[in-house]
Amino acid sequence: VAADLQTNVRDIFSKAGLSVSNSQVLPARAQGNFDYIGVKLTVTGDLPALDEALAGIAAYLPLVLVESLDIYPAREVRGKSESAQQLITANIQVLSLRAVQ
């Protein structure tokens, strides 16, 4: 389950135009009648691509929740002829619930 979630979330971010530099499955956490299955990713790209990826996460079934999101400017050297488009790096942690049987 966790590996499938990781693959599907990576695909959502990649198809939105973000570069996924790291992803890892987090240890499952039991709470009540559910296991919390988490995936943490580091992505780089522009803000419209991040917006598209977050919309993809919101539409994904079974439900995936954004547990944490840290965004900061990507450190990149630009020449005078390059566009001034803002690139960001984001660390995002998502989770999905699995019913305990």
Protein backbone atom coordinates (compact mmCIF):
# COMPACT_ATOMS: atom_id res chain seq x y z
CA VAL A 1 0.00 0.00 0.00
CA ALA A 2 2.71 2.48 0.99
CA ALA A 3 4.84 1.80 -2.09
CA ASP A 4 1.81 2.27 -4.37
CA LEU A 5 1.01 5.57 -2.64
CA GLN A 6 4.61 6.70 -3.09
CA THR A 7 4.58 5.83 -6.80
CA ASN A 8 1.23 7.50 -7.44
CA VAL A 9 2.11 10.69 -5.56
CA ARG A 10 5.46 10.92 -7.38
CA ASP A 11 3.58 10.56 -10.69
CA ILE A 12 1.17 13.38 -9.76
CA PHE A 13 4.03 15.76 -8.99
CA SER A 14 6.07 14.74 -12.04
CA LYS A 15 3.12 15.08 -14.44
CA ALA A 16 2.47 18.57 -13.03
CA GLY A 17 5.96 19.56 -14.17
CA LEU A 18 7.88 19.33 -10.90
CA SER A 19 11.18 17.55 -10.47
CA VAL A 20 11.01 15.02 -7.62
CA SER A 21 14.48 14.83 -6.10
CA ASN A 22 13.62 12.67 -3.11
CA SER A 23 10.74 10.61 -1.78
CA GLN A 24 10.44 8.20 1.09
CA VAL A 25 7.75 6.12 2.71
CA LEU A 26 7.34 7.00 6.38
CA PRO A 27 6.66 4.40 9.07
CA ALA A 28 2.95 3.65 9.45
CA ARG A 29 1.33 5.13 12.55
CA ALA A 30 -1.61 3.37 14.18
CA GLN A 31 -4.30 5.61 15.61
CA GLY A 32 -7.73 4.33 16.55
CA ASN A 33 -9.12 2.13 13.80
CA PHE A 34 -6.70 3.45 11.15
CA ASP A 35 -3.10 3.22 10.04
CA TYR A 36 -1.66 6.50 8.80
CA ILE A 37 0.44 5.78 5.69
CA GLY A 38 2.79 8.69 4.97
CA VAL A 39 5.07 9.74 2.12
CA LYS A 40 7.55 12.62 2.23
CA LEU A 41 8.79 14.27 -0.98
CA THR A 42 11.16 17.02 -2.03
CA VAL A 43 10.20 18.70 -5.30
CA THR A 44 11.52 21.62 -7.34
CA GLY A 45 9.72 23.69 -9.97
CA ASP A 46 7.55 26.74 -10.38
CA LEU A 47 4.49 27.80 -8.40
CA PRO A 48 1.91 27.00 -11.13
CA ALA A 49 3.25 23.43 -11.29
CA LEU A 50 2.99 23.10 -7.51
CA ASP A 51 -0.58 24.40 -7.66
CA GLU A 52 -1.42 21.82 -10.33
CA ALA A 53 0.17 19.02 -8.28
CA LEU A 54 -1.77 20.00 -5.16
CA ALA A 55 -4.99 19.98 -7.19
CA GLY A 56 -4.06 16.48 -8.36
CA ILE A 57 -3.53 15.39 -4.76
CA ALA A 58 -6.94 16.83 -3.79
CA ALA A 59 -8.63 14.85 -6.58
CA TYR A 60 -6.80 11.58 -5.88
CA LEU A 61 -8.80 8.63 -4.57
CA PRO A 62 -8.48 7.11 -2.05
CA LEU A 63 -8.19 10.38 -0.14
CA VAL A 64 -4.68 11.77 0.37
CA LEU A 65 -4.17 14.60 2.86
CA VAL A 66 -1.34 17.12 2.94
CA GLU A 67 0.10 16.83 6.43
CA SER A 68 2.87 19.42 6.03
CA LEU A 69 4.17 21.71 3.30
CA ASP A 70 7.34 23.81 3.46
CA ILE A 71 8.15 26.02 0.47
CA TYR A 72 11.26 28.10 -0.07
CA PRO A 73 13.00 29.72 -3.06
CA ALA A 74 15.24 27.39 -5.03
CA ARG A 75 18.85 28.45 -4.98
CA GLU A 76 19.87 28.87 -8.57
CA VAL A 77 22.37 31.06 -10.39
CA ARG A 78 20.76 32.90 -13.28
CA GLY A 79 22.37 34.76 -16.12
CA LYS A 80 21.11 38.13 -17.37
CA SER A 81 19.41 36.55 -20.40
CA GLU A 82 17.41 33.98 -18.40
CA SER A 83 13.81 34.59 -17.34
CA ALA A 84 13.02 35.86 -13.87
CA GLN A 85 10.56 33.02 -13.23
CA GLN A 86 10.55 32.11 -9.53
CA LEU A 87 11.57 28.53 -8.84
CA ILE A 88 10.74 26.93 -5.53
CA THR A 89 11.73 23.86 -3.61
CA ALA A 90 9.05 22.24 -1.49
CA ASN A 91 9.13 19.56 1.16
CA ILE A 92 5.70 17.97 1.35
CA GLN A 93 4.39 15.20 3.53
CA VAL A 94 1.15 13.48 2.55
CA LEU A 95 -0.79 10.75 4.26
CA SER A 96 -3.57 8.33 3.52
CA LEU A 97 -5.66 6.34 5.95
CA ARG A 98 -5.99 2.57 5.89
CA ALA A 99 -8.66 0.87 7.99
CA VAL A 100 -7.31 -1.65 10.48
CA GLN A 101 -9.09 -4.97 10.18
